[in-house]
N, C-alpha and C. Protein backbone atom coordinates (compact mmCIF):
# COMPACT_ATOMS: atom_id res chain seq x y z
N LEU A 1 70.16 21.99 29.76
CA LEU A 1 71.32 21.23 29.69
C LEU A 1 70.86 19.62 29.28
N ASP A 2 71.79 19.23 28.53
CA ASP A 2 71.44 18.13 27.44
C ASP A 2 72.55 17.31 28.55
N PHE A 3 72.09 16.17 28.65
CA PHE A 3 72.90 14.91 29.39
C PHE A 3 73.87 14.39 28.45
N ASN A 4 73.92 14.53 27.73
CA ASN A 4 75.18 14.01 26.77
C ASN A 4 76.19 15.22 26.65
N ASP A 5 76.16 16.63 26.85
CA ASP A 5 76.62 17.87 26.69
C ASP A 5 77.46 17.82 27.94
N ILE A 6 76.52 17.32 28.95
CA ILE A 6 77.22 17.03 30.27
C ILE A 6 78.49 16.54 30.46
N VAL A 7 78.12 15.13 29.83
CA VAL A 7 79.29 14.07 29.98
C VAL A 7 80.16 13.79 29.12
N ALA A 8 80.06 14.59 28.32
CA ALA A 8 80.85 15.05 27.51
C ALA A 8 82.05 16.14 27.95
N SER A 9 81.35 17.17 28.72
CA SER A 9 82.32 18.07 29.31
C SER A 9 83.51 17.34 30.37
N PHE A 10 82.96 16.44 31.27
CA PHE A 10 83.41 15.50 31.83
C PHE A 10 84.83 14.92 31.03
N ASN A 11 85.19 14.65 29.81
CA ASN A 11 85.64 14.03 29.51
C ASN A 11 85.13 11.90 29.74
N LYS A 12 83.68 11.74 29.57
CA LYS A 12 83.10 10.50 30.23
C LYS A 12 82.21 9.87 29.32
N LEU A 13 81.94 8.68 28.89
CA LEU A 13 81.51 7.73 27.57
C LEU A 13 79.98 8.33 28.43
N GLU A 14 78.77 7.62 27.56
CA GLU A 14 77.62 7.56 28.24
C GLU A 14 77.53 6.78 29.29
N GLU A 15 78.61 6.00 29.40
CA GLU A 15 77.95 4.43 30.34
C GLU A 15 78.74 4.95 31.55
N GLU A 16 79.13 6.12 31.66
CA GLU A 16 80.13 5.88 33.13
C GLU A 16 79.62 6.82 33.38
N ALA A 17 78.57 7.56 33.34
CA ALA A 17 77.23 8.26 34.17
C ALA A 17 76.05 7.69 33.90
N MET A 18 74.80 7.89 35.25
CA MET A 18 73.61 7.62 35.54
C MET A 18 72.79 8.33 35.56
N ILE A 19 71.75 8.75 34.62
CA ILE A 19 70.49 9.77 34.86
C ILE A 19 69.74 9.08 36.48
N VAL A 20 69.38 10.41 37.23
CA VAL A 20 68.82 9.70 38.33
C VAL A 20 67.20 10.13 38.01
N SER A 21 67.48 11.53 37.11
CA SER A 21 66.45 11.97 36.83
C SER A 21 66.46 12.93 35.87
N SER A 22 65.22 13.54 35.17
CA SER A 22 65.32 14.10 33.47
C SER A 22 64.09 14.73 33.25
N SER A 23 63.99 15.73 33.43
CA SER A 23 62.75 16.60 32.88
C SER A 23 62.89 17.26 31.50
N HIS A 24 62.08 18.18 31.44
CA HIS A 24 62.32 19.57 29.83
C HIS A 24 63.70 20.07 30.62
N ASN A 25 63.65 20.72 31.78
CA ASN A 25 64.47 22.01 32.25
C ASN A 25 65.55 21.48 33.09
N GLU A 26 65.53 19.95 33.72
CA GLU A 26 66.66 19.55 34.73
C GLU A 26 67.24 18.15 34.59
N VAL A 27 68.45 18.03 34.43
CA VAL A 27 69.36 16.93 34.64
C VAL A 27 69.48 16.36 35.55
N CYS A 28 69.60 15.33 36.69
CA CYS A 28 70.34 14.69 37.49
C CYS A 28 70.74 13.75 37.29
N LEU A 29 72.09 13.77 37.50
CA LEU A 29 73.29 12.54 37.21
C LEU A 29 74.34 12.05 38.04
N VAL A 30 75.16 11.34 38.21
CA VAL A 30 75.74 10.61 38.59
C VAL A 30 76.55 10.34 38.02
N LEU A 31 78.08 10.95 38.43
CA LEU A 31 79.30 10.41 37.77
C LEU A 31 80.30 10.42 38.36
N SER A 32 81.62 9.69 38.41
CA SER A 32 83.01 9.57 38.84
C SER A 32 83.73 11.00 38.25
N THR A 33 84.33 11.55 39.41
CA THR A 33 85.17 12.79 39.01
C THR A 33 86.12 13.41 39.94
N THR A 34 86.85 13.91 39.44
CA THR A 34 87.91 14.64 40.88
C THR A 34 87.10 15.72 41.25
N SER A 35 87.27 16.54 42.66
CA SER A 35 86.71 17.84 42.76
C SER A 35 87.52 18.56 41.94
N VAL A 36 88.73 18.70 41.44
CA VAL A 36 89.43 19.61 40.54
C VAL A 36 88.13 19.78 39.53
N GLN A 37 88.63 18.86 38.56
CA GLN A 37 87.22 18.54 37.51
C GLN A 37 86.29 18.81 37.26
N GLY A 38 85.35 18.47 38.79
CA GLY A 38 84.00 19.03 38.89
C GLY A 38 83.75 20.42 39.15
N ARG A 39 84.66 20.84 39.73
CA ARG A 39 84.45 22.58 39.56
C ARG A 39 84.69 23.42 38.44
N GLU A 40 85.56 22.66 37.60
CA GLU A 40 86.00 23.26 35.93
C GLU A 40 85.18 23.12 35.26
N VAL A 41 84.63 21.97 35.31
CA VAL A 41 82.98 21.64 34.34
C VAL A 41 82.42 22.71 35.05
N THR A 42 81.60 22.76 35.91
CA THR A 42 80.37 23.51 36.92
C THR A 42 80.06 24.75 36.15
N ASP A 43 81.72 25.46 36.28
CA ASP A 43 82.16 26.91 36.64
C ASP A 43 82.26 26.84 34.64
N SER A 44 82.23 26.06 33.83
CA SER A 44 82.11 26.58 32.63
C SER A 44 80.55 26.26 32.17
N PHE A 45 79.97 26.21 33.16
CA PHE A 45 78.56 26.02 32.53
C PHE A 45 77.97 27.25 32.81
N GLY A 46 78.39 27.98 33.15
CA GLY A 46 78.25 29.50 34.20
C GLY A 46 76.97 29.33 34.75
N GLY A 47 76.74 28.92 36.12
CA GLY A 47 76.02 28.87 37.45
C GLY A 47 74.51 27.62 36.38
N SER A 48 74.67 27.21 35.25
CA SER A 48 73.39 26.40 34.94
C SER A 48 73.66 25.27 35.07
N LEU A 49 74.83 24.77 36.11
CA LEU A 49 75.23 23.29 36.55
C LEU A 49 75.63 23.26 37.81
N ILE A 50 75.26 22.51 38.70
CA ILE A 50 75.31 22.15 40.01
C ILE A 50 76.00 21.10 40.61
N GLY A 51 76.87 20.89 40.88
CA GLY A 51 77.54 20.22 41.34
C GLY A 51 77.18 19.37 42.69
N VAL A 52 77.45 18.61 42.97
CA VAL A 52 77.27 17.73 44.84
C VAL A 52 78.33 17.04 44.88
N PRO A 53 79.17 16.93 45.92
CA PRO A 53 80.05 15.55 46.03
C PRO A 53 79.14 14.62 46.58
N LEU A 54 79.49 13.38 46.25
CA LEU A 54 78.87 12.34 47.11
C LEU A 54 79.85 11.30 47.54
N PRO A 55 80.11 11.82 48.93
CA PRO A 55 82.05 10.75 48.98
C PRO A 55 80.97 8.97 48.87
N ASP A 56 82.40 8.42 49.09
CA ASP A 56 81.85 6.94 48.92
C ASP A 56 82.26 6.61 50.62
N ILE A 57 81.36 5.97 50.83
CA ILE A 57 80.79 6.02 52.02
C ILE A 57 81.60 4.76 53.11
N THR A 58 82.03 3.87 51.57
CA THR A 58 82.12 2.57 52.31
C THR A 58 84.05 3.01 52.10
N LYS A 59 84.80 3.94 52.24
CA LYS A 59 85.81 3.75 52.15
C LYS A 59 86.00 5.34 53.62
N ILE A 60 84.96 5.19 54.17
CA ILE A 60 85.37 5.75 55.77
C ILE A 60 85.02 5.09 56.57
N HIS A 61 86.36 5.20 57.24
CA HIS A 61 86.51 4.25 58.38
C HIS A 61 85.40 4.54 59.60
N SER A 62 84.77 3.44 60.32
CA SER A 62 83.34 4.14 61.15
C SER A 62 83.68 4.41 62.28
N GLY A 63 85.26 4.57 62.67
CA GLY A 63 85.61 5.07 63.96
C GLY A 63 85.98 7.06 63.40
N THR A 64 85.77 6.81 62.49
CA THR A 64 85.75 8.44 61.92
C THR A 64 84.13 9.25 62.16
N ILE A 65 83.22 8.10 61.63
CA ILE A 65 81.98 8.76 61.95
C ILE A 65 81.58 8.90 63.30
N ASP A 66 81.98 8.18 64.16
CA ASP A 66 81.48 7.65 65.02
C ASP A 66 82.39 9.40 65.72
N GLU A 67 83.65 9.45 65.77
CA GLU A 67 84.02 10.70 65.96
C GLU A 67 83.64 12.00 65.69
N VAL A 68 82.88 12.59 64.34
CA VAL A 68 82.52 13.21 63.98
C VAL A 68 81.19 13.42 64.38
N LEU A 69 80.68 12.24 64.77
CA LEU A 69 79.03 12.39 65.83
C LEU A 69 79.39 12.73 67.30
N SER A 70 80.34 12.87 67.86
CA SER A 70 80.31 12.78 69.17
C SER A 70 79.90 14.69 69.95
N LYS A 71 79.82 14.33 70.62
CA LYS A 71 79.50 15.79 71.42
C LYS A 71 80.41 16.45 71.31
N GLY A 72 82.44 16.29 71.25
CA GLY A 72 83.05 16.55 71.81
C GLY A 72 83.67 17.59 70.48
N TRP A 73 83.38 16.90 69.10
CA TRP A 73 83.81 17.49 68.09
C TRP A 73 83.46 18.62 67.26
N SER A 74 84.58 19.35 66.76
CA SER A 74 83.48 20.46 65.92
C SER A 74 85.01 21.11 64.83
N VAL A 75 84.27 21.57 63.40
CA VAL A 75 84.93 21.09 62.28
C VAL A 75 86.04 21.82 62.65
N PRO A 76 87.19 21.14 62.47
CA PRO A 76 88.32 22.24 62.43
C PRO A 76 89.02 23.36 61.60
N PHE A 77 89.32 24.16 62.46
CA PHE A 77 89.40 25.62 61.24
C PHE A 77 91.33 25.30 60.82
N SER A 78 91.25 26.31 60.12
CA SER A 78 92.78 26.14 59.21
C SER A 78 92.29 27.44 58.83
N GLN A 79 93.90 27.83 58.84
CA GLN A 79 94.48 28.95 58.97
C GLN A 79 95.46 29.12 58.15
N GLU A 80 95.89 29.58 57.18
CA GLU A 80 97.29 29.75 56.25
C GLU A 80 97.96 30.63 57.38
N GLN A 81 99.04 29.96 57.26
CA GLN A 81 100.16 30.95 58.06
C GLN A 81 100.74 31.51 57.11
N ALA A 82 101.51 32.81 57.75
CA ALA A 82 102.19 33.91 56.88
C ALA A 82 103.40 33.11 56.55
N PRO A 83 104.11 33.24 54.90
CA PRO A 83 105.12 32.59 55.23
C PRO A 83 106.56 33.17 55.96
N LYS A 84 107.75 32.76 56.20
CA LYS A 84 108.74 32.77 56.73
C LYS A 84 109.26 33.76 55.96
N ASN A 85 110.10 34.93 57.19
CA ASN A 85 111.23 35.87 56.57
C ASN A 85 112.32 34.91 56.44
N SER A 86 113.04 34.84 55.63
CA SER A 86 114.56 34.16 55.84
C SER A 86 115.78 34.85 56.33
């Protein structure tokens, strides 16, 4: 994988991405994108590109962190509702 190809796939300029690590067969970089674009671009590379979300911790309220770390908190379960018949 080439750094420039990856960055271009996200419609970004080289200055908008940062190389964290690079070797002859791996490149690790950080750039800003949406979850939808991230999924689309990683899928377009056919499994040779892996995206890992890095949330902006400065935008997470400290109360949220306290709540999630509490013993009583569990991952919310989401279930799709069946459409109501009119």
